[in-house]
Amino acid sequence: MNKLNSEEKEILNAFEKGELKRSKNTIKEIEQHKAVAAATFKKDTRINIRLSSRDLRSLQARALSESIPYQTLVSSIVHKFVDGQLIDRAANK
């Protein structure tokens, strides 16, 4: 199990003690979160890019090892980069 930060430990302790209470608007909140998630991952725009054949083959091989389509892998990489979860090491030098 991963190490928990102090906030996560506090939540886990409260859960284990039975101190957590359900929100009054649980169903409404769940629906709102579902709508936000759906909007976040909606793929409504197409792009065309030119890649070297070597890079494309490498992407396809990596996607195959992950058992996902290579377009999905590219989309995931772009999403993580713009969301700040993927860091460009060359830019940090």
N, C-alpha and C. Protein backbone atom coordinates (compact mmCIF):
# COMPACT_ATOMS: atom_id res chain seq x y z
N MET A 1 0.85 -1.19 0.00
CA MET A 1 0.00 0.00 0.00
C MET A 1 0.88 1.24 0.00
N ASN A 2 0.48 2.25 -0.77
CA ASN A 2 1.23 3.50 -0.82
C ASN A 2 1.16 4.21 0.51
N LYS A 3 2.17 5.03 0.77
CA LYS A 3 2.15 5.83 1.99
C LYS A 3 1.08 6.89 1.87
N LEU A 4 0.37 7.12 2.94
CA LEU A 4 -0.69 8.12 2.95
C LEU A 4 -0.17 9.43 3.52
N ASN A 5 -0.66 10.53 2.95
CA ASN A 5 -0.29 11.82 3.54
C ASN A 5 -1.19 12.06 4.75
N SER A 6 -0.96 13.14 5.46
CA SER A 6 -1.68 13.37 6.71
C SER A 6 -3.20 13.50 6.50
N GLU A 7 -3.60 14.15 5.41
CA GLU A 7 -5.03 14.30 5.13
C GLU A 7 -5.67 12.94 4.85
N GLU A 8 -4.97 12.11 4.07
CA GLU A 8 -5.49 10.78 3.76
C GLU A 8 -5.58 9.91 5.02
N LYS A 9 -4.59 10.03 5.89
CA LYS A 9 -4.62 9.28 7.16
C LYS A 9 -5.81 9.71 8.01
N GLU A 10 -6.06 11.01 8.04
CA GLU A 10 -7.19 11.54 8.81
C GLU A 10 -8.52 11.00 8.28
N ILE A 11 -8.66 10.97 6.96
CA ILE A 11 -9.88 10.45 6.34
C ILE A 11 -10.03 8.96 6.64
N LEU A 12 -8.94 8.20 6.49
CA LEU A 12 -8.99 6.77 6.76
C LEU A 12 -9.36 6.50 8.22
N ASN A 13 -8.78 7.24 9.14
CA ASN A 13 -9.11 7.07 10.56
C ASN A 13 -10.58 7.37 10.83
N ALA A 14 -11.09 8.44 10.23
CA ALA A 14 -12.50 8.80 10.42
C ALA A 14 -13.40 7.71 9.85
N PHE A 15 -13.03 7.16 8.69
CA PHE A 15 -13.81 6.09 8.08
C PHE A 15 -13.83 4.86 8.98
N GLU A 16 -12.65 4.48 9.47
CA GLU A 16 -12.55 3.29 10.31
C GLU A 16 -13.31 3.44 11.62
N LYS A 17 -13.43 4.67 12.12
CA LYS A 17 -14.16 4.92 13.36
C LYS A 17 -15.66 5.11 13.11
N GLY A 18 -16.07 5.12 11.84
CA GLY A 18 -17.47 5.31 11.51
C GLY A 18 -17.94 6.74 11.69
N GLU A 19 -17.03 7.67 11.61
CA GLU A 19 -17.35 9.08 11.83
C GLU A 19 -17.77 9.82 10.56
N LEU A 20 -17.63 9.20 9.41
CA LEU A 20 -17.98 9.88 8.17
C LEU A 20 -19.48 9.84 7.96
N LYS A 21 -20.03 10.94 7.48
CA LYS A 21 -21.46 11.04 7.21
C LYS A 21 -21.66 11.29 5.72
N ARG A 22 -22.71 10.74 5.18
CA ARG A 22 -23.06 10.92 3.78
C ARG A 22 -23.56 12.34 3.55
N SER A 23 -23.19 12.91 2.43
CA SER A 23 -23.68 14.23 2.05
C SER A 23 -25.19 14.18 1.84
N LYS A 24 -25.86 15.29 2.08
CA LYS A 24 -27.32 15.35 1.89
C LYS A 24 -27.68 15.24 0.41
N ASN A 25 -26.79 15.70 -0.45
CA ASN A 25 -27.08 15.72 -1.89
C ASN A 25 -26.19 14.73 -2.65
N THR A 26 -26.02 13.55 -2.10
CA THR A 26 -25.10 12.57 -2.68
C THR A 26 -25.40 12.27 -4.14
N ILE A 27 -26.62 11.96 -4.46
CA ILE A 27 -26.98 11.59 -5.83
C ILE A 27 -26.72 12.75 -6.77
N LYS A 28 -27.10 13.96 -6.39
CA LYS A 28 -26.88 15.15 -7.21
C LYS A 28 -25.39 15.39 -7.42
N GLU A 29 -24.60 15.25 -6.36
CA GLU A 29 -23.15 15.45 -6.46
C GLU A 29 -22.50 14.41 -7.37
N ILE A 30 -22.93 13.17 -7.26
CA ILE A 30 -22.39 12.12 -8.11
C ILE A 30 -22.69 12.43 -9.58
N GLU A 31 -23.90 12.85 -9.86
CA GLU A 31 -24.27 13.19 -11.24
C GLU A 31 -23.44 14.37 -11.76
N GLN A 32 -23.19 15.36 -10.91
CA GLN A 32 -22.37 16.50 -11.31
C GLN A 32 -20.94 16.05 -11.62
N HIS A 33 -20.40 15.18 -10.78
CA HIS A 33 -19.03 14.67 -11.01
C HIS A 33 -18.97 13.84 -12.29
N LYS A 34 -20.00 13.06 -12.55
CA LYS A 34 -20.05 12.29 -13.80
C LYS A 34 -20.07 13.20 -15.01
N ALA A 35 -20.84 14.28 -14.93
CA ALA A 35 -20.93 15.23 -16.05
C ALA A 35 -19.59 15.91 -16.30
N VAL A 36 -18.91 16.30 -15.24
CA VAL A 36 -17.60 16.94 -15.37
C VAL A 36 -16.60 15.95 -15.97
N ALA A 37 -16.61 14.71 -15.49
CA ALA A 37 -15.70 13.70 -16.02
C ALA A 37 -15.96 13.44 -17.50
N ALA A 38 -17.22 13.35 -17.87
CA ALA A 38 -17.56 13.10 -19.28
C ALA A 38 -17.09 14.26 -20.15
N ALA A 39 -17.28 15.48 -19.69
CA ALA A 39 -16.87 16.65 -20.46
C ALA A 39 -15.35 16.73 -20.57
N THR A 40 -14.67 16.31 -19.52
CA THR A 40 -13.20 16.35 -19.51
C THR A 40 -12.61 15.42 -20.55
N PHE A 41 -13.20 14.26 -20.70
CA PHE A 41 -12.64 13.27 -21.60
C PHE A 41 -13.33 13.18 -22.95
N LYS A 42 -14.25 14.11 -23.23
CA LYS A 42 -14.93 14.13 -24.51
C LYS A 42 -13.92 14.48 -25.60
N LYS A 43 -13.86 13.65 -26.60
CA LYS A 43 -12.93 13.88 -27.71
C LYS A 43 -13.75 14.38 -28.90
N ASP A 44 -13.74 15.69 -29.07
CA ASP A 44 -14.59 16.29 -30.08
C ASP A 44 -13.82 17.03 -31.17
N THR A 45 -12.48 16.93 -31.15
CA THR A 45 -11.68 17.63 -32.15
C THR A 45 -10.64 16.68 -32.72
N ARG A 46 -10.49 16.75 -34.04
CA ARG A 46 -9.49 15.93 -34.71
C ARG A 46 -8.28 16.79 -35.04
N ILE A 47 -7.10 16.18 -35.00
CA ILE A 47 -5.89 16.88 -35.44
C ILE A 47 -5.11 15.94 -36.35
N ASN A 48 -4.29 16.52 -37.18
CA ASN A 48 -3.37 15.76 -38.02
C ASN A 48 -1.97 16.22 -37.67
N ILE A 49 -1.07 15.28 -37.44
CA ILE A 49 0.32 15.64 -37.16
C ILE A 49 1.23 14.77 -38.02
N ARG A 50 2.41 15.28 -38.26
CA ARG A 50 3.40 14.52 -39.01
C ARG A 50 4.46 14.05 -38.02
N LEU A 51 4.74 12.75 -38.06
CA LEU A 51 5.75 12.15 -37.19
C LEU A 51 6.75 11.39 -38.04
N SER A 52 7.91 11.18 -37.49
CA SER A 52 8.86 10.31 -38.18
C SER A 52 8.31 8.89 -38.12
N SER A 53 8.62 8.10 -39.12
CA SER A 53 8.13 6.72 -39.13
C SER A 53 8.70 5.96 -37.94
N ARG A 54 9.90 6.31 -37.51
CA ARG A 54 10.51 5.66 -36.34
C ARG A 54 9.70 5.95 -35.09
N ASP A 55 9.31 7.22 -34.89
CA ASP A 55 8.52 7.58 -33.71
C ASP A 55 7.15 6.90 -33.74
N LEU A 56 6.54 6.85 -34.92
CA LEU A 56 5.24 6.20 -35.03
C LEU A 56 5.34 4.72 -34.69
N ARG A 57 6.35 4.04 -35.22
CA ARG A 57 6.53 2.62 -34.90
C ARG A 57 6.76 2.43 -33.40
N SER A 58 7.52 3.32 -32.80
CA SER A 58 7.77 3.21 -31.36
C SER A 58 6.50 3.43 -30.56
N LEU A 59 5.69 4.40 -30.98
CA LEU A 59 4.40 4.65 -30.32
C LEU A 59 3.49 3.43 -30.46
N GLN A 60 3.44 2.88 -31.65
CA GLN A 60 2.58 1.72 -31.88
C GLN A 60 3.05 0.53 -31.05
N ALA A 61 4.36 0.33 -30.95
CA ALA A 61 4.88 -0.78 -30.15
C ALA A 61 4.55 -0.58 -28.68
N ARG A 62 4.72 0.65 -28.20
CA ARG A 62 4.41 0.95 -26.79
C ARG A 62 2.93 0.74 -26.52
N ALA A 63 2.08 1.22 -27.43
CA ALA A 63 0.63 1.05 -27.26
C ALA A 63 0.26 -0.43 -27.26
N LEU A 64 0.89 -1.20 -28.13
CA LEU A 64 0.63 -2.64 -28.18
C LEU A 64 0.99 -3.29 -26.85
N SER A 65 2.11 -2.88 -26.27
CA SER A 65 2.52 -3.47 -24.98
C SER A 65 1.58 -3.05 -23.85
N GLU A 66 0.89 -1.92 -24.03
CA GLU A 66 -0.08 -1.44 -23.04
C GLU A 66 -1.50 -1.95 -23.36
N SER A 67 -1.64 -2.63 -24.48
CA SER A 67 -2.93 -3.16 -24.95
C SER A 67 -3.97 -2.07 -25.19
N ILE A 68 -3.52 -0.96 -25.77
CA ILE A 68 -4.43 0.14 -26.12
C ILE A 68 -4.10 0.61 -27.54
N PRO A 69 -5.07 1.23 -28.23
CA PRO A 69 -4.78 1.78 -29.56
C PRO A 69 -3.74 2.91 -29.45
N TYR A 70 -2.89 3.03 -30.48
CA TYR A 70 -1.83 4.03 -30.39
C TYR A 70 -2.39 5.45 -30.35
N GLN A 71 -3.56 5.69 -31.00
CA GLN A 71 -4.15 7.02 -30.93
C GLN A 71 -4.55 7.37 -29.50
N THR A 72 -5.02 6.38 -28.76
CA THR A 72 -5.39 6.59 -27.37
C THR A 72 -4.15 6.93 -26.54
N LEU A 73 -3.05 6.25 -26.82
CA LEU A 73 -1.80 6.54 -26.13
C LEU A 73 -1.35 7.97 -26.41
N VAL A 74 -1.39 8.38 -27.67
CA VAL A 74 -0.99 9.76 -28.03
C VAL A 74 -1.89 10.76 -27.33
N SER A 75 -3.19 10.52 -27.33
CA SER A 75 -4.13 11.42 -26.66
C SER A 75 -3.83 11.50 -25.16
N SER A 76 -3.51 10.37 -24.56
CA SER A 76 -3.19 10.34 -23.13
C SER A 76 -1.92 11.13 -22.84
N ILE A 77 -0.92 10.98 -23.68
CA ILE A 77 0.34 11.71 -23.49
C ILE A 77 0.09 13.21 -23.58
N VAL A 78 -0.66 13.64 -24.59
CA VAL A 78 -0.95 15.06 -24.75
C VAL A 78 -1.73 15.58 -23.55
N HIS A 79 -2.75 14.83 -23.12
CA HIS A 79 -3.56 15.25 -21.97
C HIS A 79 -2.70 15.40 -20.72
N LYS A 80 -1.85 14.42 -20.44
CA LYS A 80 -1.00 14.49 -19.26
C LYS A 80 -0.03 15.66 -19.34
N PHE A 81 0.49 15.94 -20.53
CA PHE A 81 1.43 17.05 -20.68
C PHE A 81 0.74 18.39 -20.41
N VAL A 82 -0.41 18.63 -21.01
CA VAL A 82 -1.08 19.92 -20.83
C VAL A 82 -1.65 20.06 -19.42
N ASP A 83 -1.88 18.93 -18.75
CA ASP A 83 -2.40 18.95 -17.38
C ASP A 83 -1.28 19.07 -16.34
N GLY A 84 -0.02 19.07 -16.82
CA GLY A 84 1.11 19.22 -15.91
C GLY A 84 1.56 17.93 -15.25
N GLN A 85 1.00 16.80 -15.67
CA GLN A 85 1.39 15.52 -15.08
C GLN A 85 2.59 14.91 -15.78
N LEU A 86 2.94 15.42 -16.95
CA LEU A 86 4.06 14.92 -17.73
C LEU A 86 5.01 16.10 -17.93
N ILE A 87 6.26 15.93 -17.53
CA ILE A 87 7.19 17.04 -17.54
C ILE A 87 8.20 16.85 -18.67
N ASP A 88 8.44 17.93 -19.40
CA ASP A 88 9.42 17.95 -20.47
C ASP A 88 10.80 18.15 -19.85
N ARG A 89 11.59 17.08 -19.77
CA ARG A 89 12.92 17.17 -19.13
C ARG A 89 13.84 18.13 -19.88
N ALA A 90 13.73 18.20 -21.20
CA ALA A 90 14.59 19.07 -21.98
C ALA A 90 14.35 20.53 -21.64
N ALA A 91 13.11 20.90 -21.34
CA ALA A 91 12.78 22.28 -21.01
C ALA A 91 13.29 22.68 -19.63
N ASN A 92 13.58 21.71 -18.78
CA ASN A 92 14.02 21.98 -17.41
C ASN A 92 15.53 22.05 -17.28
N LYS A 93 16.26 21.93 -18.39
CA LYS A 93 17.73 21.98 -18.34
C LYS A 93 18.23 23.38 -18.51
